[in-house]
């Protein structure tokens, strides 16, 4: 299953780093140096550097060494492959994407509708 783990934001500095909008609760693993992520229009990219600056994750990628190059990736979504049937995953665990298409019910048991999207908003 392809899982959206982030979005590339604006360039930071002149060395090809970018801010990352994190969309995962496992940022340390998903964005570790050497992690391979998939983008929709630029294919696979490998994390070359990762650091937090003023509470914002900054990533650098192999082969992207200046501000102009990283700006071309601005707003690209970052994906990783996950095996939802992997051993060791508790049957009560789920990925938010798995909720899309599920029926939603009110407390009294009446059907409310079908989940079409899950928004991860601050607050």
N, C-alpha and C. Protein backbone atom coordinates (compact mmCIF):
# COMPACT_ATOMS: atom_id res chain seq x y z
N UNK A 1 0.85 -1.17 0.00
CA UNK A 1 0.00 0.00 0.00
C UNK A 1 0.89 1.24 0.00
N UNK A 2 0.58 2.18 -0.87
CA UNK A 2 1.33 3.43 -0.94
C UNK A 2 0.74 4.40 0.07
N UNK A 3 1.60 4.93 0.95
CA UNK A 3 1.16 5.79 2.04
C UNK A 3 1.77 7.18 1.89
N UNK A 4 0.92 8.22 1.89
CA UNK A 4 1.41 9.60 1.83
C UNK A 4 1.96 9.97 3.21
N UNK A 5 3.25 10.31 3.26
CA UNK A 5 3.89 10.62 4.53
C UNK A 5 4.28 12.09 4.66
N UNK A 6 4.13 12.87 3.58
CA UNK A 6 4.49 14.27 3.68
C UNK A 6 4.32 15.01 2.37
N UNK A 7 4.61 16.31 2.44
CA UNK A 7 4.58 17.18 1.26
C UNK A 7 5.78 18.10 1.33
N UNK A 8 6.45 18.26 0.20
CA UNK A 8 7.60 19.16 0.14
C UNK A 8 7.09 20.59 0.10
N UNK A 9 7.63 21.41 1.00
CA UNK A 9 7.25 22.82 1.07
C UNK A 9 8.28 23.70 0.38
N UNK A 10 8.47 24.88 0.93
CA UNK A 10 9.36 25.85 0.30
C UNK A 10 10.83 25.50 0.56
N UNK A 11 11.67 26.03 -0.30
CA UNK A 11 13.11 25.85 -0.15
C UNK A 11 13.59 26.55 1.11
N UNK A 12 14.65 25.99 1.71
CA UNK A 12 15.24 26.59 2.91
C UNK A 12 16.74 26.73 2.64
N UNK A 13 17.21 27.94 2.56
CA UNK A 13 18.63 28.17 2.29
C UNK A 13 18.96 27.96 0.82
N UNK A 14 20.27 27.85 0.55
CA UNK A 14 20.72 27.75 -0.85
C UNK A 14 21.28 26.38 -1.20
N UNK A 15 21.26 25.45 -0.24
CA UNK A 15 21.91 24.15 -0.46
C UNK A 15 20.95 23.02 -0.83
N UNK A 16 19.70 23.35 -1.19
CA UNK A 16 18.78 22.33 -1.66
C UNK A 16 17.91 21.68 -0.60
N UNK A 17 17.86 22.26 0.59
CA UNK A 17 16.96 21.74 1.61
C UNK A 17 15.56 22.32 1.42
N UNK A 18 14.55 21.59 1.91
CA UNK A 18 13.18 22.07 1.84
C UNK A 18 12.47 21.78 3.15
N UNK A 19 11.47 22.60 3.44
CA UNK A 19 10.60 22.31 4.58
C UNK A 19 9.69 21.15 4.19
N UNK A 20 9.29 20.37 5.18
CA UNK A 20 8.44 19.22 4.93
C UNK A 20 7.20 19.32 5.81
N UNK A 21 6.04 19.19 5.18
CA UNK A 21 4.78 19.07 5.92
C UNK A 21 4.63 17.59 6.24
N UNK A 22 4.85 17.24 7.48
CA UNK A 22 4.84 15.84 7.90
C UNK A 22 3.41 15.33 8.02
N UNK A 23 3.15 14.17 7.41
CA UNK A 23 1.82 13.55 7.46
C UNK A 23 1.91 12.11 7.97
N UNK A 24 2.80 11.89 8.91
CA UNK A 24 2.98 10.57 9.49
C UNK A 24 3.34 10.72 10.96
N UNK A 25 3.03 9.71 11.74
CA UNK A 25 3.42 9.75 13.15
C UNK A 25 4.75 9.03 13.37
N UNK A 26 5.38 8.59 12.29
CA UNK A 26 6.67 7.91 12.37
C UNK A 26 7.73 8.67 11.57
N UNK A 27 7.82 9.98 11.78
CA UNK A 27 8.72 10.82 10.99
C UNK A 27 10.17 10.38 11.11
N UNK A 28 10.60 9.94 12.30
CA UNK A 28 12.00 9.53 12.49
C UNK A 28 12.36 8.37 11.57
N UNK A 29 11.42 7.47 11.34
CA UNK A 29 11.68 6.32 10.47
C UNK A 29 11.46 6.65 9.00
N UNK A 30 10.38 7.32 8.71
CA UNK A 30 10.01 7.60 7.31
C UNK A 30 10.99 8.54 6.62
N UNK A 31 11.59 9.47 7.38
CA UNK A 31 12.47 10.48 6.79
C UNK A 31 13.92 10.31 7.24
N UNK A 32 14.30 9.11 7.63
CA UNK A 32 15.68 8.85 8.04
C UNK A 32 16.61 8.99 6.84
N UNK A 33 17.86 9.35 7.10
CA UNK A 33 18.84 9.45 6.02
C UNK A 33 18.93 8.09 5.33
N UNK A 34 18.85 8.11 4.01
CA UNK A 34 18.87 6.88 3.22
C UNK A 34 17.49 6.37 2.85
N UNK A 35 16.44 6.92 3.47
CA UNK A 35 15.07 6.50 3.14
C UNK A 35 14.76 6.89 1.70
N UNK A 36 14.11 5.98 0.99
CA UNK A 36 13.70 6.24 -0.39
C UNK A 36 12.21 6.55 -0.40
N UNK A 37 11.88 7.70 -0.96
CA UNK A 37 10.50 8.16 -1.03
C UNK A 37 10.11 8.31 -2.49
N UNK A 38 8.83 8.21 -2.74
CA UNK A 38 8.33 8.33 -4.11
C UNK A 38 7.56 9.63 -4.27
N UNK A 39 7.77 10.30 -5.40
CA UNK A 39 6.99 11.49 -5.74
C UNK A 39 6.19 11.17 -6.99
N UNK A 40 5.13 11.92 -7.22
CA UNK A 40 4.28 11.63 -8.36
C UNK A 40 4.95 12.00 -9.69
N UNK A 41 5.66 13.11 -9.75
CA UNK A 41 6.20 13.54 -11.04
C UNK A 41 7.72 13.44 -11.16
N UNK A 42 8.41 13.18 -10.05
CA UNK A 42 9.87 13.10 -10.11
C UNK A 42 10.41 11.72 -9.73
N UNK A 43 9.55 10.75 -9.57
CA UNK A 43 10.00 9.39 -9.27
C UNK A 43 10.54 9.24 -7.86
N UNK A 44 11.52 8.36 -7.73
CA UNK A 44 12.09 8.05 -6.42
C UNK A 44 13.17 9.06 -6.04
N UNK A 45 13.17 9.47 -4.77
CA UNK A 45 14.21 10.34 -4.25
C UNK A 45 14.68 9.78 -2.91
N UNK A 46 15.96 10.00 -2.63
CA UNK A 46 16.58 9.46 -1.41
C UNK A 46 16.94 10.59 -0.46
N UNK A 47 16.57 10.42 0.80
CA UNK A 47 16.87 11.44 1.82
C UNK A 47 18.37 11.46 2.07
N UNK A 48 19.00 12.63 1.90
CA UNK A 48 20.44 12.79 2.13
C UNK A 48 20.72 13.46 3.46
N UNK A 49 19.80 14.31 3.91
CA UNK A 49 19.98 14.98 5.21
C UNK A 49 18.62 15.25 5.81
N UNK A 50 18.60 15.26 7.14
CA UNK A 50 17.35 15.51 7.85
C UNK A 50 17.67 16.23 9.15
N UNK A 51 16.95 17.32 9.41
CA UNK A 51 17.15 18.04 10.66
C UNK A 51 15.90 18.86 10.95
N UNK A 52 15.75 19.21 12.21
CA UNK A 52 14.63 20.05 12.63
C UNK A 52 15.17 21.44 12.93
N UNK A 53 14.51 22.46 12.37
CA UNK A 53 14.90 23.85 12.58
C UNK A 53 13.64 24.62 12.99
N UNK A 54 13.66 25.18 14.19
CA UNK A 54 12.50 25.92 14.72
C UNK A 54 11.22 25.10 14.64
N UNK A 55 11.32 23.81 14.93
CA UNK A 55 10.15 22.94 14.95
C UNK A 55 9.68 22.47 13.59
N UNK A 56 10.44 22.76 12.54
CA UNK A 56 10.06 22.37 11.17
C UNK A 56 11.09 21.39 10.64
N UNK A 57 10.61 20.29 10.07
CA UNK A 57 11.51 19.30 9.48
C UNK A 57 12.07 19.83 8.17
N UNK A 58 13.39 19.77 8.04
CA UNK A 58 14.08 20.14 6.80
C UNK A 58 14.75 18.90 6.24
N UNK A 59 14.53 18.63 4.96
CA UNK A 59 15.17 17.49 4.31
C UNK A 59 15.98 17.96 3.12
N UNK A 60 17.09 17.26 2.88
CA UNK A 60 17.87 17.39 1.67
C UNK A 60 17.82 16.05 0.96
N UNK A 61 17.89 16.05 -0.36
CA UNK A 61 17.78 14.82 -1.14
C UNK A 61 18.99 14.64 -2.03
N UNK A 62 19.37 13.39 -2.24
CA UNK A 62 20.52 13.09 -3.11
C UNK A 62 20.28 13.67 -4.50
N UNK A 63 21.29 14.32 -5.05
CA UNK A 63 21.22 14.87 -6.40
C UNK A 63 20.53 16.22 -6.49
N UNK A 64 20.03 16.73 -5.38
CA UNK A 64 19.38 18.04 -5.35
C UNK A 64 20.22 18.92 -4.45
N UNK A 65 21.01 19.79 -5.08
CA UNK A 65 22.05 20.48 -4.33
C UNK A 65 21.93 22.00 -4.30
N UNK A 66 20.83 22.55 -4.84
CA UNK A 66 20.67 23.99 -4.76
C UNK A 66 19.19 24.37 -4.67
N UNK A 67 18.98 25.62 -4.36
CA UNK A 67 17.62 26.13 -4.14
C UNK A 67 16.73 25.97 -5.37
N UNK A 68 17.27 26.22 -6.55
CA UNK A 68 16.48 26.12 -7.77
C UNK A 68 15.99 24.70 -8.01
N UNK A 69 16.84 23.72 -7.74
CA UNK A 69 16.47 22.32 -7.95
C UNK A 69 15.37 21.88 -6.99
N UNK A 70 15.46 22.28 -5.73
CA UNK A 70 14.44 21.86 -4.76
C UNK A 70 13.12 22.58 -5.00
N UNK A 71 13.17 23.81 -5.51
CA UNK A 71 11.94 24.55 -5.81
C UNK A 71 11.09 23.82 -6.85
N UNK A 72 11.73 23.06 -7.74
CA UNK A 72 10.99 22.30 -8.75
C UNK A 72 10.16 21.18 -8.11
N UNK A 73 10.50 20.81 -6.88
CA UNK A 73 9.76 19.75 -6.17
C UNK A 73 8.73 20.31 -5.19
N UNK A 74 8.62 21.61 -5.13
CA UNK A 74 7.69 22.23 -4.17
C UNK A 74 6.27 21.70 -4.39
N UNK A 75 5.60 21.38 -3.30
CA UNK A 75 4.24 20.84 -3.25
C UNK A 75 4.11 19.39 -3.71
N UNK A 76 5.23 18.74 -4.00
CA UNK A 76 5.18 17.31 -4.33
C UNK A 76 4.81 16.52 -3.08
N UNK A 77 3.93 15.56 -3.25
CA UNK A 77 3.60 14.66 -2.15
C UNK A 77 4.65 13.57 -2.07
N UNK A 78 4.97 13.15 -0.86
CA UNK A 78 5.96 12.11 -0.62
C UNK A 78 5.26 10.83 -0.17
N UNK A 79 5.58 9.72 -0.82
CA UNK A 79 4.95 8.44 -0.52
C UNK A 79 6.00 7.41 -0.14
N UNK A 80 5.57 6.43 0.64
CA UNK A 80 6.39 5.26 0.93
C UNK A 80 5.49 4.04 0.86
N UNK A 81 6.08 2.89 0.60
CA UNK A 81 5.32 1.64 0.57
C UNK A 81 5.25 1.06 1.97
N UNK A 82 4.08 0.60 2.37
CA UNK A 82 3.92 -0.08 3.65
C UNK A 82 3.17 -1.38 3.41
N UNK A 83 3.53 -2.39 4.17
CA UNK A 83 2.86 -3.68 4.10
C UNK A 83 1.89 -3.75 5.26
N UNK A 84 0.60 -3.57 4.98
CA UNK A 84 -0.38 -3.54 6.07
C UNK A 84 -0.62 -4.93 6.66
N UNK A 85 -0.12 -5.96 6.00
CA UNK A 85 -0.27 -7.32 6.51
C UNK A 85 1.01 -7.86 7.11
N UNK A 86 1.99 -6.98 7.35
CA UNK A 86 3.28 -7.42 7.88
C UNK A 86 3.11 -8.01 9.28
N UNK A 87 3.90 -9.06 9.59
CA UNK A 87 3.82 -9.62 10.94
C UNK A 87 4.23 -8.58 11.98
N UNK A 88 3.63 -8.67 13.15
CA UNK A 88 3.96 -7.74 14.22
C UNK A 88 3.06 -6.52 14.27
N UNK A 89 2.21 -6.35 13.26
CA UNK A 89 1.27 -5.24 13.28
C UNK A 89 0.01 -5.73 13.99
N UNK A 90 -0.38 -5.02 15.04
CA UNK A 90 -1.56 -5.39 15.83
C UNK A 90 -2.81 -5.28 14.97
N UNK A 91 -3.74 -6.21 15.13
CA UNK A 91 -4.95 -6.18 14.30
C UNK A 91 -5.82 -4.96 14.59
N UNK A 92 -5.60 -4.29 15.72
CA UNK A 92 -6.35 -3.07 16.03
C UNK A 92 -5.68 -1.82 15.44
N UNK A 93 -4.48 -1.96 14.90
CA UNK A 93 -3.79 -0.83 14.28
C UNK A 93 -4.33 -0.62 12.87
N UNK A 94 -4.27 0.60 12.40
CA UNK A 94 -4.73 0.90 11.05
C UNK A 94 -3.99 2.12 10.53
N UNK A 95 -3.98 2.26 9.21
CA UNK A 95 -3.48 3.47 8.58
C UNK A 95 -4.70 4.32 8.25
N UNK A 96 -4.60 5.60 8.40
CA UNK A 96 -5.72 6.49 8.18
C UNK A 96 -6.32 6.27 6.79
N UNK A 97 -5.48 6.00 5.79
CA UNK A 97 -5.98 5.78 4.43
C UNK A 97 -6.95 4.61 4.37
N UNK A 98 -6.81 3.64 5.27
CA UNK A 98 -7.70 2.49 5.26
C UNK A 98 -9.12 2.87 5.67
N UNK A 99 -9.31 4.04 6.26
CA UNK A 99 -10.64 4.48 6.67
C UNK A 99 -11.48 4.96 5.50
N UNK A 100 -10.82 5.45 4.43
CA UNK A 100 -11.54 5.95 3.27
C UNK A 100 -12.32 4.79 2.65
N UNK A 101 -13.61 5.03 2.45
CA UNK A 101 -14.49 4.00 1.90
C UNK A 101 -15.27 3.24 2.96
N UNK A 102 -14.90 3.41 4.23
CA UNK A 102 -15.60 2.72 5.32
C UNK A 102 -16.91 3.45 5.65
N UNK A 103 -17.87 2.68 6.16
CA UNK A 103 -19.11 3.28 6.63
C UNK A 103 -18.87 3.94 7.98
N UNK A 104 -19.50 5.10 8.19
CA UNK A 104 -19.43 5.81 9.47
C UNK A 104 -20.80 5.74 10.13
N UNK A 105 -20.80 5.49 11.44
CA UNK A 105 -22.06 5.35 12.17
C UNK A 105 -22.13 6.36 13.31
N UNK A 106 -23.34 6.79 13.62
CA UNK A 106 -23.58 7.65 14.77
C UNK A 106 -23.58 6.79 16.03
N UNK A 107 -23.51 7.42 17.19
CA UNK A 107 -23.47 6.71 18.46
C UNK A 107 -24.69 5.80 18.62
N UNK A 108 -25.84 6.22 18.09
CA UNK A 108 -27.06 5.41 18.23
C UNK A 108 -27.14 4.26 17.24
N UNK A 109 -26.11 4.12 16.39
CA UNK A 109 -26.06 3.00 15.45
C UNK A 109 -26.55 3.32 14.06
N UNK A 110 -27.15 4.50 13.86
CA UNK A 110 -27.61 4.89 12.53
C UNK A 110 -26.41 5.18 11.63
N UNK A 111 -26.53 4.75 10.36
CA UNK A 111 -25.45 5.02 9.42
C UNK A 111 -25.41 6.51 9.09
N UNK A 112 -24.21 7.09 9.15
CA UNK A 112 -24.02 8.51 8.90
C UNK A 112 -23.61 8.75 7.45
N UNK A 113 -22.79 7.86 6.90
CA UNK A 113 -22.31 8.03 5.54
C UNK A 113 -21.04 7.22 5.31
N UNK A 114 -20.34 7.56 4.23
CA UNK A 114 -19.10 6.88 3.84
C UNK A 114 -17.95 7.86 4.00
N UNK A 115 -16.85 7.41 4.58
CA UNK A 115 -15.66 8.25 4.74
C UNK A 115 -15.06 8.49 3.36
N UNK A 116 -14.93 9.76 2.98
CA UNK A 116 -14.36 10.10 1.68
C UNK A 116 -12.95 10.66 1.79
N UNK A 117 -12.59 11.19 2.97
CA UNK A 117 -11.26 11.75 3.17
C UNK A 117 -11.03 11.89 4.67
N UNK A 118 -9.77 11.91 5.05
CA UNK A 118 -9.40 12.14 6.45
C UNK A 118 -8.42 13.30 6.46
N UNK A 119 -8.76 14.35 7.18
CA UNK A 119 -7.91 15.53 7.25
C UNK A 119 -7.13 15.53 8.55
N UNK A 120 -5.83 15.76 8.45
CA UNK A 120 -4.97 15.83 9.62
C UNK A 120 -4.66 17.30 9.86
N UNK A 121 -5.49 17.96 10.65
CA UNK A 121 -5.37 19.40 10.86
C UNK A 121 -4.73 19.70 12.21
N UNK A 122 -4.06 20.83 12.32
CA UNK A 122 -3.48 21.20 13.62
C UNK A 122 -4.58 21.50 14.63
N UNK A 123 -4.23 21.34 15.89
CA UNK A 123 -5.20 21.73 16.91
C UNK A 123 -5.52 20.67 17.81
